[in-house]
C-alpha atoms as a PDB file:
ATOM      1  CA  MET A   1       0.000   0.000   0.000  1.00  0.00           C
ATOM      2  CA  LYS A   2       2.944   2.348   0.514  1.00  0.00           C
ATOM      3  CA  ARG A   3       3.531   2.289  -3.240  1.00  0.00           C
ATOM      4  CA  GLU A   4      -0.006   1.834  -4.548  1.00  0.00           C
ATOM      5  CA  ILE A   5      -1.569   4.831  -2.769  1.00  0.00           C
ATOM      6  CA  PRO A   6       0.979   7.447  -3.999  1.00  0.00           C
ATOM      7  CA  ILE A   7       0.754   5.989  -7.520  1.00  0.00           C
ATOM      8  CA  LEU A   8      -3.070   6.150  -7.409  1.00  0.00           C
ATOM      9  CA  ILE A   9      -3.011   9.755  -6.153  1.00  0.00           C
ATOM     10  CA  THR A  10      -0.545  10.695  -8.892  1.00  0.00           C
ATOM     11  CA  LEU A  11      -2.729   8.993 -11.507  1.00  0.00           C
ATOM     12  CA  ILE A  12      -5.889  10.841 -10.387  1.00  0.00           C
ATOM     13  CA  PHE A  13      -4.169  14.218 -10.254  1.00  0.00           C
ATOM     14  CA  GLY A  14      -2.435  13.700 -13.585  1.00  0.00           C
ATOM     15  CA  VAL A  15      -5.584  12.550 -15.407  1.00  0.00           C
ATOM     16  CA  PHE A  16      -7.602  15.561 -14.267  1.00  0.00           C
ATOM     17  CA  MET A  17      -4.783  17.957 -15.158  1.00  0.00           C
ATOM     18  CA  ILE A  18      -4.730  16.483 -18.679  1.00  0.00           C
ATOM     19  CA  ILE A  19      -8.421  16.074 -19.461  1.00  0.00           C
ATOM     20  CA  GLN A  20      -9.277  19.622 -18.389  1.00  0.00           C
ATOM     21  CA  PHE A  21      -7.559  20.832 -21.579  1.00  0.00           C
ATOM     22  CA  PHE A  22      -9.624  18.496 -23.786  1.00  0.00           C
ATOM     23  CA  ILE A  23     -13.007  18.412 -22.002  1.00  0.00           C
ATOM     24  CA  PRO A  24     -14.000  21.974 -21.031  1.00  0.00           C
ATOM     25  CA  HIS A  25     -16.748  20.875 -18.643  1.00  0.00           C
ATOM     26  CA  PRO A  26     -17.438  23.059 -15.569  1.00  0.00           C
ATOM     27  CA  SER A  27     -17.292  20.094 -13.179  1.00  0.00           C
ATOM     28  CA  ILE A  28     -13.934  18.913 -14.502  1.00  0.00           C
ATOM     29  CA  ASN A  29     -12.529  22.450 -14.440  1.00  0.00           C
ATOM     30  CA  ARG A  30     -13.763  22.890 -10.871  1.00  0.00           C
ATOM     31  CA  ILE A  31     -12.116  19.646  -9.720  1.00  0.00           C
ATOM     32  CA  ALA A  32      -8.904  20.507 -11.551  1.00  0.00           C
ATOM     33  CA  GLY A  33      -8.891  23.945  -9.924  1.00  0.00           C
ATOM     34  CA  THR A  34      -9.325  22.373  -6.490  1.00  0.00           C
ATOM     35  CA  LEU A  35      -6.452  19.972  -7.162  1.00  0.00           C
ATOM     36  CA  GLN A  36      -4.256  22.893  -8.218  1.00  0.00           C
ATOM     37  CA  GLU A  37      -5.061  24.680  -4.956  1.00  0.00           C
ATOM     38  CA  TRP A  38      -4.092  21.549  -3.033  1.00  0.00           C
ATOM     39  CA  ALA A  39      -0.861  21.389  -5.000  1.00  0.00           C
ATOM     40  CA  ILE A  40      -0.077  24.990  -4.001  1.00  0.00           C
ATOM     41  CA  VAL A  41      -0.556  24.040  -0.341  1.00  0.00           C
ATOM     42  CA  VAL A  42       1.759  21.033  -0.730  1.00  0.00           C
ATOM     43  CA  ILE A  43       4.381  23.189  -2.472  1.00  0.00           C
ATOM     44  CA  SER A  44       4.148  25.746   0.347  1.00  0.00           C
ATOM     45  CA  PHE A  45       4.868  23.034   2.901  1.00  0.00           C
ATOM     46  CA  SER A  46       7.765  21.803   0.753  1.00  0.00           C
ATOM     47  CA  TYR A  47       9.325  25.279   1.009  1.00  0.00           C
ATOM     48  CA  VAL A  48       9.071  25.060   4.802  1.00  0.00           C
ATOM     49  CA  LEU A  49      10.611  21.585   4.831  1.00  0.00           C
ATOM     50  CA  GLY A  50      13.349  22.695   2.426  1.00  0.00           C
ATOM     51  CA  SER A  51      14.201  25.672   4.632  1.00  0.00           C
ATOM     52  CA  ALA A  52      14.331  23.470   7.719  1.00  0.00           C
ATOM     53  CA  ASN A  53      16.539  21.014   5.863  1.00  0.00           C
ATOM     54  CA  ILE A  54      18.956  23.801   4.869  1.00  0.00           C
ATOM     55  CA  LEU A  55      19.220  24.929   8.487  1.00  0.00           C
ATOM     56  CA  ARG A  56      19.659  21.375   9.766  1.00  0.00           C
ATOM     57  CA  ILE A  57      22.380  20.311   7.319  1.00  0.00           C
ATOM     58  CA  ASN A  58      24.384  23.533   7.400  1.00  0.00           C
ATOM     59  CA  GLY A  59      23.843  23.992  11.138  1.00  0.00           C
ATOM     60  CA  GLU A  60      25.383  20.584  11.838  1.00  0.00           C
ATOM     61  CA  ILE A  61      28.408  21.435   9.690  1.00  0.00           C
ATOM     62  CA  VAL A  62      28.878  24.750  11.522  1.00  0.00           C
ATOM     63  CA  TYR A  63      28.486  23.088  14.925  1.00  0.00           C
ATOM     64  CA  ARG A  64      31.076  20.398  14.115  1.00  0.00           C
ATOM     65  CA  ARG A  65      33.408  22.857  12.347  1.00  0.00           C
ATOM     66  CA  GLY A  66      33.180  20.780   9.203  1.00  0.00           C
ATOM     67  CA  PRO A  67      34.648  21.577   5.783  1.00  0.00           C
ATOM     68  CA  ASP A  68      34.028  25.189   4.699  1.00  0.00           C
ATOM     69  CA  TRP A  69      32.028  25.869   7.862  1.00  0.00           C
ATOM     70  CA  PRO A  70      32.496  29.700   7.698  1.00  0.00           C
ATOM     71  CA  TYR A  71      30.639  29.718   4.378  1.00  0.00           C
ATOM     72  CA  LYS A  72      27.884  27.573   5.884  1.00  0.00           C
ATOM     73  CA  LEU A  73      27.662  29.993   8.798  1.00  0.00           C
ATOM     74  CA  ALA A  74      27.305  32.931   6.409  1.00  0.00           C
ATOM     75  CA  LEU A  75      24.533  31.043   4.605  1.00  0.00           C
ATOM     76  CA  VAL A  76      22.631  30.320   7.811  1.00  0.00           C
ATOM     77  CA  LEU A  77      22.956  33.876   9.117  1.00  0.00           C
ATOM     78  CA  ALA A  78      21.917  35.392   5.784  1.00  0.00           C
ATOM     79  CA  PHE A  79      18.956  33.016   5.587  1.00  0.00           C
ATOM     80  CA  LEU A  80      17.759  33.863   9.102  1.00  0.00           C
ATOM     81  CA  LEU A  81      18.243  37.588   8.481  1.00  0.00           C
ATOM     82  CA  MET A  82      16.219  37.579   5.253  1.00  0.00           C
ATOM     83  CA  VAL A  83      13.442  35.440   6.720  1.00  0.00           C
ATOM     84  CA  SER A  84      13.143  37.449   9.943  1.00  0.00           C
ATOM     85  CA  THR A  85      13.125  40.844   8.215  1.00  0.00           C
ATOM     86  CA  GLY A  86      10.664  39.569   5.628  1.00  0.00           C
ATOM     87  CA  LEU A  87       8.286  38.187   8.256  1.00  0.00           C
ATOM     88  CA  PHE A  88       8.374  41.111  10.663  1.00  0.00           C
ATOM     89  CA  GLY A  89       9.268  44.047   8.436  1.00  0.00           C
ATOM     90  CA  GLY A  90       7.650  43.053   5.138  1.00  0.00           C
ATOM     91  CA  ILE A  91       9.185  43.093   1.684  1.00  0.00           C
ATOM     92  CA  GLN A  92       7.251  46.000   0.205  1.00  0.00           C
ATOM     93  CA  GLU A  93       8.979  48.886  -1.550  1.00  0.00           C
ATOM     94  CA  GLY A  94      10.980  50.991   0.886  1.00  0.00           C
ATOM     95  CA  SER A  95      11.310  48.320   3.567  1.00  0.00           C
ATOM     96  CA  PHE A  96      14.629  47.296   5.070  1.00  0.00           C
ATOM     97  CA  ALA A  97      14.418  43.789   3.569  1.00  0.00           C
ATOM     98  CA  ASN A  98      13.689  45.094   0.091  1.00  0.00           C
ATOM     99  CA  ASP A  99      15.969  48.125  -0.136  1.00  0.00           C
ATOM    100  CA  LYS A 100      18.945  47.289   2.081  1.00  0.00           C
ATOM    101  CA  LEU A 101      19.150  43.500   1.879  1.00  0.00           C
ATOM    102  CA  PHE A 102      17.711  42.677  -1.528  1.00  0.00           C
ATOM    103  CA  LYS A 103      18.636  45.672  -3.697  1.00  0.00           C
ATOM    104  CA  HIS A 104      21.943  46.640  -2.052  1.00  0.00           C
ATOM    105  CA  ILE A 105      23.332  43.202  -1.118  1.00  0.00           C
ATOM    106  CA  TYR A 106      21.633  40.340  -2.964  1.00  0.00           C
ATOM    107  CA  VAL A 107      21.322  42.000  -6.384  1.00  0.00           C
ATOM    108  CA  PRO A 108      24.974  43.215  -6.550  1.00  0.00           C
ATOM    109  CA  MET A 109      26.265  39.815  -5.356  1.00  0.00           C
ATOM    110  CA  ALA A 110      24.123  37.998  -7.919  1.00  0.00           C
ATOM    111  CA  SER A 111      25.354  40.328 -10.654  1.00  0.00           C
ATOM    112  CA  THR A 112      28.950  39.658  -9.604  1.00  0.00           C
ATOM    113  CA  MET A 113      28.381  35.920  -9.733  1.00  0.00           C
ATOM    114  CA  TYR A 114      26.843  36.056 -13.198  1.00  0.00           C
ATOM    115  CA  ALA A 115      29.610  38.361 -14.405  1.00  0.00           C
ATOM    116  CA  SER A 116      32.257  35.919 -13.174  1.00  0.00           C
ATOM    117  CA  LEU A 117      30.600  33.210 -15.243  1.00  0.00           C
ATOM    118  CA  ALA A 118      31.608  35.142 -18.356  1.00  0.00           C
ATOM    119  CA  PHE A 119      35.233  34.060 -17.821  1.00  0.00           C
ATOM    120  CA  PHE A 120      34.236  30.399 -17.637  1.00  0.00           C
ATOM    121  CA  ILE A 121      32.026  30.799 -20.712  1.00  0.00           C
ATOM    122  CA  ALA A 122      34.896  32.427 -22.590  1.00  0.00           C
ATOM    123  CA  SER A 123      37.208  29.574 -21.611  1.00  0.00           C
ATOM    124  CA  ALA A 124      34.685  26.964 -22.720  1.00  0.00           C
ATOM    125  CA  ALA A 125      34.086  28.827 -25.972  1.00  0.00           C
ATOM    126  CA  PHE A 126      37.831  28.911 -26.679  1.00  0.00           C
ATOM    127  CA  ARG A 127      38.013  25.147 -26.288  1.00  0.00           C
ATOM    128  CA  ALA A 128      34.853  24.580 -28.322  1.00  0.00           C
ATOM    129  CA  PHE A 129      35.948  26.830 -31.187  1.00  0.00           C
ATOM    130  CA  ARG A 130      39.005  24.771 -32.049  1.00  0.00           C
ATOM    131  CA  ILE A 131      38.056  24.242 -35.650  1.00  0.00           C
ATOM    132  CA  ARG A 132      38.481  20.608 -36.568  1.00  0.00           C
ATOM    133  CA  THR A 133      35.254  19.968 -38.507  1.00  0.00           C
ATOM    134  CA  TRP A 134      33.062  22.055 -40.762  1.00  0.00           C
ATOM    135  CA  GLN A 135      30.379  22.149 -38.048  1.00  0.00           C
ATOM    136  CA  ALA A 136      32.875  23.732 -35.650  1.00  0.00           C
ATOM    137  CA  ALA A 137      33.849  26.193 -38.378  1.00  0.00           C
ATOM    138  CA  VAL A 138      30.212  27.243 -38.867  1.00  0.00           C
ATOM    139  CA  LEU A 139      29.801  27.626 -35.113  1.00  0.00           C
ATOM    140  CA  ALA A 140      32.956  29.704 -34.762  1.00  0.00           C
ATOM    141  CA  ILE A 141      32.146  31.988 -37.710  1.00  0.00           C
ATOM    142  CA  SER A 142      28.585  32.536 -36.492  1.00  0.00           C
ATOM    143  CA  ALA A 143      29.782  33.307 -32.963  1.00  0.00           C
ATOM    144  CA  VAL A 144      32.346  35.814 -34.187  1.00  0.00           C
ATOM    145  CA  LEU A 145      29.805  37.536 -36.419  1.00  0.00           C
ATOM    146  CA  VAL A 146      27.235  37.760 -33.625  1.00  0.00           C
ATOM    147  CA  MET A 147      29.774  39.136 -31.137  1.00  0.00           C
ATOM    148  CA  LEU A 148      31.046  41.714 -33.634  1.00  0.00           C
ATOM    149  CA  GLY A 149      27.491  42.664 -34.586  1.00  0.00           C
ATOM    150  CA  ARG A 150      26.570  43.430 -30.984  1.00  0.00           C
ATOM    151  CA  ILE A 151      29.280  46.019 -30.380  1.00  0.00           C
ATOM    152  CA  PRO A 152      28.648  49.745 -31.046  1.00  0.00           C
ATOM    153  CA  ILE A 153      31.149  49.967 -33.929  1.00  0.00           C
ATOM    154  CA  ALA A 154      29.573  47.107 -35.873  1.00  0.00           C
ATOM    155  CA  GLN A 155      28.216  49.541 -38.461  1.00  0.00           C
ATOM    156  CA  ASP A 156      31.709  50.927 -39.019  1.00  0.00           C
ATOM    157  CA  ILE A 157      33.246  47.471 -39.442  1.00  0.00           C
ATOM    158  CA  TRP A 158      30.728  46.461 -42.116  1.00  0.00           C
ATOM    159  CA  SER A 159      27.503  48.255 -42.940  1.00  0.00           C
ATOM    160  CA  GLU A 160      25.643  44.968 -43.542  1.00  0.00           C
ATOM    161  CA  LEU A 161      26.902  43.280 -40.377  1.00  0.00           C
ATOM    162  CA  PRO A 162      23.918  44.173 -38.141  1.00  0.00           C
ATOM    163  CA  ASP A 163      21.520  42.783 -40.753  1.00  0.00           C
ATOM    164  CA  VAL A 164      23.552  39.576 -41.005  1.00  0.00           C
ATOM    165  CA  VAL A 165      23.502  39.200 -37.226  1.00  0.00           C
ATOM    166  CA  GLU A 166      19.739  39.699 -37.123  1.00  0.00           C
ATOM    167  CA  TRP A 167      19.308  37.029 -39.794  1.00  0.00           C
ATOM    168  CA  ILE A 168      21.491  34.601 -37.822  1.00  0.00           C
ATOM    169  CA  MET A 169      19.506  35.217 -34.649  1.00  0.00           C
ATOM    170  CA  ASN A 170      16.061  35.116 -36.295  1.00  0.00           C
ATOM    171  CA  VAL A 171      16.537  32.187 -38.690  1.00  0.00           C
ATOM    172  CA  PRO A 172      19.207  29.564 -37.819  1.00  0.00           C
ATOM    173  CA  ASN A 173      19.234  30.363 -34.106  1.00  0.00           C
ATOM    174  CA  ALA A 174      15.444  30.444 -33.843  1.00  0.00           C
ATOM    175  CA  VAL A 175      15.185  27.114 -35.704  1.00  0.00           C
ATOM    176  CA  ALA A 176      17.668  25.483 -33.322  1.00  0.00           C
ATOM    177  CA  GLN A 177      15.922  26.905 -30.259  1.00  0.00           C
ATOM    178  CA  ARG A 178      12.535  25.667 -31.435  1.00  0.00           C
ATOM    179  CA  GLY A 179      13.977  22.219 -32.064  1.00  0.00           C
ATOM    180  CA  ILE A 180      15.397  22.156 -28.544  1.00  0.00           C
ATOM    181  CA  LEU A 181      12.078  23.334 -27.075  1.00  0.00           C
ATOM    182  CA  ILE A 182      10.123  20.710 -29.022  1.00  0.00           C
ATOM    183  CA  GLY A 183      12.509  17.994 -27.850  1.00  0.00           C
ATOM    184  CA  ALA A 184      12.297  19.201 -24.243  1.00  0.00           C
ATOM    185  CA  ALA A 185       8.486  19.330 -24.446  1.00  0.00           C
ATOM    186  CA  LEU A 186       8.298  15.786 -25.811  1.00  0.00           C
ATOM    187  CA  GLY A 187      10.648  14.618 -23.065  1.00  0.00           C
ATOM    188  CA  ALA A 188       8.526  16.329 -20.408  1.00  0.00           C
ATOM    189  CA  ILE A 189       5.354  14.749 -21.833  1.00  0.00           C
ATOM    190  CA  ALA A 190       6.961  11.302 -21.878  1.00  0.00           C
ATOM    191  CA  THR A 191       8.229  11.705 -18.309  1.00  0.00           C
ATOM    192  CA  GLY A 192       4.825  12.958 -17.138  1.00  0.00           C
ATOM    193  CA  LEU A 193       3.029   9.997 -18.707  1.00  0.00           C
ATOM    194  CA  LYS A 194       5.524   7.589 -17.137  1.00  0.00           C
ATOM    195  CA  VAL A 195       4.888   9.130 -13.712  1.00  0.00           C
ATOM    196  CA  ILE A 196       1.104   9.164 -14.165  1.00  0.00           C
ATOM    197  CA  LEU A 197       0.993   5.540 -15.343  1.00  0.00           C
ATOM    198  CA  GLY A 198       3.276   4.370 -12.533  1.00  0.00           C
ATOM    199  CA  ILE A 199       6.186   3.396 -14.769  1.00  0.00           C
ATOM    200  CA  GLU A 200       8.540   5.996 -13.264  1.00  0.00           C
ATOM    201  CA  ARG A 201       8.590   5.498  -9.483  1.00  0.00           C
ATOM    202  CA  SER A 202      11.784   7.222  -8.417  1.00  0.00           C
ATOM    203  CA  TYR A 203       9.758   9.781  -6.428  1.00  0.00           C
ATOM    204  CA  LEU A 204       8.781   6.981  -4.043  1.00  0.00           C
ATOM    205  CA  GLY A 205      12.356   6.909  -2.769  1.00  0.00           C
ATOM    206  CA  ASN A 206      12.949   3.161  -2.895  1.00  0.00           C
ATOM    207  CA  GLU A 207      12.954   2.563  -6.667  1.00  0.00           C
END
């Protein structure tokens, strides 16, 4: 029963979430809406459990002075500070949590992290652009054209360069992105059907 009940619940939820798009009946839409509200409640509790898990795991490492414990301590303190100021002071515009913590600390640190990723991306691009096949040559030429077309002096380098860049972004790039999205959507549909039908049971923890 420990396996059958979760599988049955998943099947019922999944079937109603699917058929509501094909059978626009008020009763089905009402049941599907109720199930979505229940899902929101479950997700809310998962956030609470996830937060408690973060505090438990990192708190134990800090208490035992485990590897990289100062970073874990900074994580725990920052987490408690954001949660406490958000609960008691609010996160509306002009509040301490929004202006001082979010805008002046979190946003600059996030921007710094994303900016540092540019160096790793440049390193990976250098390794990837070692032209050994014609596919790599096409990739390298397209990348160089796009990068040159995005700088302010692109018009001075070649008057047609911005138009070429727009064509690359709107035609070959868009085709590739749509292919990736279609593949990802088909994969998500297949995974969803496997979960609904009970074929994929990894969420049960023992399989």
